[in-house]
Amino acid sequence: MVTYELQPTAENVTGSVTVEVDPQRLQGRLVARGLPPLPEGRVYALWVVLEPEAPFTKDRAGAILTTAFRVDAAGNQEQELRLPPVFASTEWVRAVAITEEDGSRPQEHQGSPLWISG
């Protein structure tokens, strides 16, 4: 198991996010605690940010969308993840990050990271 502890990118960003990854099975678990609930139509997006030379298809920000999710009224969410193949070889993973995106098109990756692994 590989665990990514995501840290807030700004002082006004609250909450914590942990992503546990099983590279052999390409499965994982997202645990979010105390994130600000989002307005209707907005979602959090979990990205894997790749090393520039990684041999995978990525977006213009060098990332792959893993999942989009919402949190409950307390800002919590736990869910199982099916992970992209890049996680089978963690040398290509630069970071794991969360942005806020439009719920109807999270793959457009308009947001900047709110939480990111070190």
N, C-alpha and C. Protein backbone atom coordinates (compact mmCIF):
# COMPACT_ATOMS: atom_id res chain seq x y z
N MET A 1 0.83 -1.20 0.00
CA MET A 1 0.00 0.00 0.00
C MET A 1 0.87 1.25 0.00
N VAL A 2 0.48 2.22 -0.79
CA VAL A 2 1.13 3.53 -0.82
C VAL A 2 0.09 4.53 -0.35
N THR A 3 0.47 5.42 0.57
CA THR A 3 -0.47 6.41 1.10
C THR A 3 0.00 7.80 0.72
N TYR A 4 -0.92 8.58 0.16
CA TYR A 4 -0.66 9.98 -0.18
C TYR A 4 -1.45 10.84 0.80
N GLU A 5 -0.74 11.65 1.58
CA GLU A 5 -1.36 12.61 2.49
C GLU A 5 -1.37 13.95 1.78
N LEU A 6 -2.55 14.46 1.46
CA LEU A 6 -2.64 15.73 0.74
C LEU A 6 -2.70 16.88 1.73
N GLN A 7 -1.98 17.93 1.42
CA GLN A 7 -1.92 19.11 2.29
C GLN A 7 -2.61 20.29 1.60
N PRO A 8 -3.26 21.16 2.38
CA PRO A 8 -3.87 22.36 1.79
C PRO A 8 -2.81 23.23 1.12
N THR A 9 -3.20 23.89 0.04
CA THR A 9 -2.26 24.74 -0.70
C THR A 9 -2.33 26.20 -0.26
N ALA A 10 -3.29 26.54 0.61
CA ALA A 10 -3.42 27.92 1.10
C ALA A 10 -3.94 27.89 2.54
N GLU A 11 -3.67 28.95 3.29
CA GLU A 11 -4.07 28.99 4.69
C GLU A 11 -5.58 28.93 4.88
N ASN A 12 -6.33 29.44 3.91
CA ASN A 12 -7.79 29.45 4.06
C ASN A 12 -8.44 28.15 3.61
N VAL A 13 -7.67 27.17 3.16
CA VAL A 13 -8.19 25.87 2.75
C VAL A 13 -8.15 24.95 3.97
N THR A 14 -9.31 24.39 4.32
CA THR A 14 -9.39 23.53 5.50
C THR A 14 -9.66 22.09 5.09
N GLY A 15 -9.44 21.19 6.03
CA GLY A 15 -9.73 19.78 5.80
C GLY A 15 -8.49 18.99 5.46
N SER A 16 -8.69 17.67 5.44
CA SER A 16 -7.57 16.78 5.13
C SER A 16 -8.06 15.68 4.17
N VAL A 17 -7.13 15.22 3.34
CA VAL A 17 -7.44 14.18 2.38
C VAL A 17 -6.31 13.16 2.38
N THR A 18 -6.68 11.89 2.42
CA THR A 18 -5.73 10.79 2.30
C THR A 18 -6.19 9.89 1.16
N VAL A 19 -5.24 9.47 0.33
CA VAL A 19 -5.53 8.52 -0.74
C VAL A 19 -4.61 7.32 -0.53
N GLU A 20 -5.22 6.16 -0.32
CA GLU A 20 -4.46 4.91 -0.18
C GLU A 20 -4.53 4.18 -1.51
N VAL A 21 -3.36 3.67 -1.95
CA VAL A 21 -3.24 3.06 -3.27
C VAL A 21 -2.66 1.66 -3.12
N ASP A 22 -3.30 0.69 -3.77
CA ASP A 22 -2.75 -0.66 -3.90
C ASP A 22 -2.28 -0.79 -5.35
N PRO A 23 -0.96 -0.60 -5.61
CA PRO A 23 -0.45 -0.59 -6.99
C PRO A 23 -0.65 -1.91 -7.73
N GLN A 24 -0.68 -3.04 -7.01
CA GLN A 24 -0.85 -4.33 -7.67
C GLN A 24 -2.27 -4.50 -8.21
N ARG A 25 -3.25 -4.05 -7.45
CA ARG A 25 -4.66 -4.25 -7.84
C ARG A 25 -5.25 -3.02 -8.53
N LEU A 26 -4.51 -1.89 -8.54
CA LEU A 26 -5.01 -0.63 -9.10
C LEU A 26 -6.34 -0.23 -8.46
N GLN A 27 -6.38 -0.43 -7.15
CA GLN A 27 -7.53 -0.01 -6.38
C GLN A 27 -7.05 0.86 -5.24
N GLY A 28 -7.93 1.71 -4.77
CA GLY A 28 -7.54 2.60 -3.70
C GLY A 28 -8.73 3.05 -2.90
N ARG A 29 -8.46 3.96 -1.98
CA ARG A 29 -9.50 4.50 -1.10
C ARG A 29 -9.21 5.97 -0.87
N LEU A 30 -10.24 6.77 -1.02
CA LEU A 30 -10.20 8.20 -0.76
C LEU A 30 -10.88 8.45 0.59
N VAL A 31 -10.19 9.19 1.46
CA VAL A 31 -10.78 9.59 2.74
C VAL A 31 -10.61 11.09 2.87
N ALA A 32 -11.74 11.81 2.84
CA ALA A 32 -11.73 13.27 2.98
C ALA A 32 -12.44 13.63 4.28
N ARG A 33 -11.85 14.56 5.03
CA ARG A 33 -12.40 14.98 6.32
C ARG A 33 -12.40 16.50 6.41
N GLY A 34 -13.56 17.07 6.69
CA GLY A 34 -13.66 18.50 6.98
C GLY A 34 -13.45 19.42 5.79
N LEU A 35 -13.73 18.94 4.57
CA LEU A 35 -13.62 19.80 3.40
C LEU A 35 -14.84 20.72 3.34
N PRO A 36 -14.69 21.92 2.80
CA PRO A 36 -15.85 22.80 2.67
C PRO A 36 -16.86 22.20 1.67
N PRO A 37 -18.12 22.03 2.07
CA PRO A 37 -19.13 21.57 1.10
C PRO A 37 -19.23 22.57 -0.06
N LEU A 38 -19.46 22.05 -1.25
CA LEU A 38 -19.49 22.88 -2.46
C LEU A 38 -20.92 23.22 -2.85
N PRO A 39 -21.08 24.35 -3.57
CA PRO A 39 -22.41 24.69 -4.07
C PRO A 39 -22.89 23.66 -5.09
N GLU A 40 -24.19 23.64 -5.32
CA GLU A 40 -24.79 22.75 -6.31
C GLU A 40 -24.09 22.95 -7.65
N GLY A 41 -23.83 21.84 -8.35
CA GLY A 41 -23.20 21.93 -9.66
C GLY A 41 -21.67 21.93 -9.63
N ARG A 42 -21.08 21.94 -8.44
CA ARG A 42 -19.61 21.91 -8.31
C ARG A 42 -19.20 20.59 -7.65
N VAL A 43 -18.04 20.09 -8.01
CA VAL A 43 -17.51 18.85 -7.43
C VAL A 43 -16.02 19.02 -7.14
N TYR A 44 -15.52 18.16 -6.27
CA TYR A 44 -14.08 18.03 -6.11
C TYR A 44 -13.61 17.00 -7.12
N ALA A 45 -12.42 17.22 -7.68
CA ALA A 45 -11.84 16.28 -8.63
C ALA A 45 -10.49 15.82 -8.10
N LEU A 46 -10.30 14.51 -8.10
CA LEU A 46 -9.03 13.90 -7.66
C LEU A 46 -8.20 13.60 -8.90
N TRP A 47 -6.99 14.16 -8.92
CA TRP A 47 -6.08 14.02 -10.07
C TRP A 47 -4.80 13.30 -9.65
N VAL A 48 -4.24 12.56 -10.57
CA VAL A 48 -2.86 12.10 -10.42
C VAL A 48 -2.04 12.96 -11.38
N VAL A 49 -1.03 13.63 -10.82
CA VAL A 49 -0.16 14.50 -11.61
C VAL A 49 1.08 13.69 -11.98
N LEU A 50 1.38 13.65 -13.27
CA LEU A 50 2.46 12.77 -13.76
C LEU A 50 3.76 13.52 -13.96
N GLU A 51 4.85 12.77 -13.91
CA GLU A 51 6.14 13.30 -14.30
C GLU A 51 6.05 13.66 -15.79
N PRO A 52 6.75 14.72 -16.22
CA PRO A 52 6.62 15.18 -17.61
C PRO A 52 6.89 14.11 -18.66
N GLU A 53 7.83 13.21 -18.40
CA GLU A 53 8.19 12.20 -19.40
C GLU A 53 7.37 10.90 -19.28
N ALA A 54 6.37 10.89 -18.42
CA ALA A 54 5.55 9.68 -18.22
C ALA A 54 4.86 9.28 -19.53
N PRO A 55 4.92 7.98 -19.86
CA PRO A 55 4.35 7.51 -21.13
C PRO A 55 2.85 7.21 -21.03
N PHE A 56 2.08 8.21 -20.59
CA PHE A 56 0.63 8.06 -20.44
C PHE A 56 -0.05 9.29 -21.04
N THR A 57 -1.30 9.13 -21.46
CA THR A 57 -2.07 10.25 -21.98
C THR A 57 -2.54 11.09 -20.80
N LYS A 58 -2.20 12.37 -20.84
CA LYS A 58 -2.56 13.26 -19.74
C LYS A 58 -3.11 14.56 -20.33
N ASP A 59 -3.72 15.38 -19.47
CA ASP A 59 -4.27 16.64 -19.96
C ASP A 59 -3.18 17.71 -20.03
N ARG A 60 -3.57 18.94 -20.40
CA ARG A 60 -2.59 20.02 -20.57
C ARG A 60 -1.88 20.38 -19.28
N ALA A 61 -2.46 20.00 -18.12
CA ALA A 61 -1.82 20.25 -16.83
C ALA A 61 -0.94 19.07 -16.41
N GLY A 62 -0.83 18.06 -17.26
CA GLY A 62 0.00 16.90 -16.95
C GLY A 62 -0.64 15.95 -15.95
N ALA A 63 -1.99 15.91 -15.95
CA ALA A 63 -2.71 15.12 -14.95
C ALA A 63 -3.74 14.19 -15.61
N ILE A 64 -4.16 13.20 -14.82
CA ILE A 64 -5.23 12.28 -15.22
C ILE A 64 -6.31 12.37 -14.15
N LEU A 65 -7.57 12.56 -14.59
CA LEU A 65 -8.70 12.59 -13.65
C LEU A 65 -8.93 11.18 -13.12
N THR A 66 -8.92 11.04 -11.79
CA THR A 66 -9.17 9.74 -11.17
C THR A 66 -10.63 9.59 -10.80
N THR A 67 -11.20 10.60 -10.16
CA THR A 67 -12.63 10.57 -9.82
C THR A 67 -13.08 11.98 -9.48
N ALA A 68 -14.38 12.19 -9.57
CA ALA A 68 -15.01 13.43 -9.09
C ALA A 68 -15.90 13.02 -7.92
N PHE A 69 -15.98 13.87 -6.90
CA PHE A 69 -16.76 13.50 -5.72
C PHE A 69 -17.31 14.73 -5.03
N ARG A 70 -18.32 14.50 -4.21
CA ARG A 70 -18.91 15.53 -3.35
C ARG A 70 -18.72 15.09 -1.91
N VAL A 71 -18.81 16.03 -0.98
CA VAL A 71 -18.72 15.71 0.44
C VAL A 71 -20.09 15.92 1.08
N ASP A 72 -20.29 15.30 2.24
CA ASP A 72 -21.54 15.49 2.97
C ASP A 72 -21.53 16.85 3.68
N ALA A 73 -22.58 17.13 4.45
CA ALA A 73 -22.72 18.44 5.10
C ALA A 73 -21.58 18.73 6.07
N ALA A 74 -20.95 17.69 6.62
CA ALA A 74 -19.81 17.86 7.53
C ALA A 74 -18.48 17.94 6.77
N GLY A 75 -18.54 17.80 5.45
CA GLY A 75 -17.33 17.89 4.64
C GLY A 75 -16.57 16.59 4.51
N ASN A 76 -17.26 15.46 4.76
CA ASN A 76 -16.59 14.16 4.75
C ASN A 76 -17.02 13.32 3.55
N GLN A 77 -16.10 12.46 3.12
CA GLN A 77 -16.40 11.49 2.07
C GLN A 77 -15.38 10.37 2.15
N GLU A 78 -15.87 9.14 2.02
CA GLU A 78 -14.99 7.97 1.90
C GLU A 78 -15.50 7.17 0.73
N GLN A 79 -14.60 6.78 -0.16
CA GLN A 79 -15.03 5.95 -1.29
C GLN A 79 -13.87 5.12 -1.82
N GLU A 80 -14.26 3.99 -2.39
CA GLU A 80 -13.29 3.12 -3.05
C GLU A 80 -12.99 3.71 -4.42
N LEU A 81 -11.76 3.48 -4.91
CA LEU A 81 -11.33 4.03 -6.19
C LEU A 81 -10.83 2.93 -7.11
N ARG A 82 -11.18 3.04 -8.38
CA ARG A 82 -10.51 2.27 -9.43
C ARG A 82 -9.48 3.22 -10.01
N LEU A 83 -8.23 2.83 -10.01
CA LEU A 83 -7.14 3.74 -10.34
C LEU A 83 -6.64 3.55 -11.77
N PRO A 84 -6.15 4.64 -12.39
CA PRO A 84 -5.56 4.51 -13.73
C PRO A 84 -4.25 3.72 -13.67
N PRO A 85 -3.86 3.10 -14.78
CA PRO A 85 -2.68 2.24 -14.82
C PRO A 85 -1.38 2.89 -14.37
N VAL A 86 -1.29 4.22 -14.41
CA VAL A 86 -0.06 4.89 -13.99
C VAL A 86 0.31 4.52 -12.56
N PHE A 87 -0.66 4.18 -11.72
CA PHE A 87 -0.37 3.84 -10.33
C PHE A 87 0.33 2.50 -10.17
N ALA A 88 0.37 1.69 -11.22
CA ALA A 88 1.08 0.41 -11.14
C ALA A 88 2.59 0.62 -11.04
N SER A 89 3.04 1.79 -11.46
CA SER A 89 4.45 2.11 -11.44
C SER A 89 4.60 3.52 -10.87
N THR A 90 4.71 3.63 -9.56
CA THR A 90 4.62 4.92 -8.89
C THR A 90 5.75 5.89 -9.23
N GLU A 91 6.78 5.44 -9.97
CA GLU A 91 7.84 6.39 -10.35
C GLU A 91 7.32 7.47 -11.28
N TRP A 92 6.19 7.24 -11.96
CA TRP A 92 5.63 8.23 -12.86
C TRP A 92 4.70 9.22 -12.15
N VAL A 93 4.37 8.93 -10.88
CA VAL A 93 3.45 9.79 -10.13
C VAL A 93 4.23 10.91 -9.45
N ARG A 94 3.98 12.14 -9.86
CA ARG A 94 4.61 13.29 -9.24
C ARG A 94 3.85 13.71 -7.98
N ALA A 95 2.52 13.70 -8.06
CA ALA A 95 1.68 14.12 -6.92
C ALA A 95 0.26 13.63 -7.14
N VAL A 96 -0.52 13.73 -6.08
CA VAL A 96 -1.96 13.52 -6.14
C VAL A 96 -2.57 14.84 -5.66
N ALA A 97 -3.58 15.32 -6.38
CA ALA A 97 -4.12 16.65 -6.07
C ALA A 97 -5.64 16.66 -6.18
N ILE A 98 -6.25 17.66 -5.53
CA ILE A 98 -7.69 17.86 -5.61
C ILE A 98 -7.96 19.30 -6.02
N THR A 99 -8.86 19.44 -6.99
CA THR A 99 -9.32 20.75 -7.44
C THR A 99 -10.83 20.82 -7.29
N GLU A 100 -11.37 22.02 -7.43
CA GLU A 100 -12.83 22.19 -7.52
C GLU A 100 -13.15 22.40 -8.99
N GLU A 101 -14.15 21.66 -9.48
CA GLU A 101 -14.49 21.71 -10.91
C GLU A 101 -16.00 21.80 -11.11
N ASP A 102 -16.38 22.13 -12.35
CA ASP A 102 -17.77 22.11 -12.77
C ASP A 102 -18.25 20.66 -12.76
N GLY A 103 -19.35 20.38 -12.06
CA GLY A 103 -19.83 19.01 -11.93
C GLY A 103 -20.21 18.34 -13.23
N SER A 104 -20.57 19.11 -14.26
CA SER A 104 -20.95 18.50 -15.53
C SER A 104 -19.75 18.24 -16.44
N ARG A 105 -18.58 18.85 -16.13
CA ARG A 105 -17.39 18.63 -16.95
C ARG A 105 -16.10 18.72 -16.12
N PRO A 106 -15.97 17.86 -15.11
CA PRO A 106 -14.77 17.94 -14.27
C PRO A 106 -13.48 17.66 -15.04
N GLN A 107 -13.58 16.89 -16.12
CA GLN A 107 -12.39 16.53 -16.91
C GLN A 107 -11.76 17.73 -17.60
N GLU A 108 -12.45 18.88 -17.64
CA GLU A 108 -11.88 20.06 -18.28
C GLU A 108 -10.75 20.68 -17.46
N HIS A 109 -10.67 20.34 -16.18
CA HIS A 109 -9.54 20.72 -15.31
C HIS A 109 -9.29 22.23 -15.34
N GLN A 110 -10.28 22.98 -14.86
CA GLN A 110 -10.16 24.44 -14.81
C GLN A 110 -9.57 24.92 -13.49
N GLY A 111 -9.72 24.14 -12.42
CA GLY A 111 -9.31 24.59 -11.09
C GLY A 111 -7.83 24.37 -10.80
N SER A 112 -7.33 25.13 -9.84
CA SER A 112 -5.97 24.94 -9.34
C SER A 112 -6.03 24.02 -8.13
N PRO A 113 -4.92 23.35 -7.80
CA PRO A 113 -4.95 22.43 -6.66
C PRO A 113 -5.30 23.15 -5.34
N LEU A 114 -6.25 22.55 -4.62
CA LEU A 114 -6.61 23.01 -3.28
C LEU A 114 -5.86 22.19 -2.22
N TRP A 115 -5.67 20.91 -2.51
CA TRP A 115 -4.86 20.01 -1.67
C TRP A 115 -3.94 19.25 -2.62
N ILE A 116 -2.72 18.99 -2.17
CA ILE A 116 -1.76 18.27 -3.01
C ILE A 116 -0.80 17.47 -2.13
N SER A 117 -0.40 16.32 -2.64
CA SER A 117 0.58 15.51 -1.89
C SER A 117 1.96 16.12 -2.02
N GLY A 118 2.83 15.90 -1.02
CA GLY A 118 4.15 16.52 -0.99
C GLY A 118 5.14 15.99 -1.95
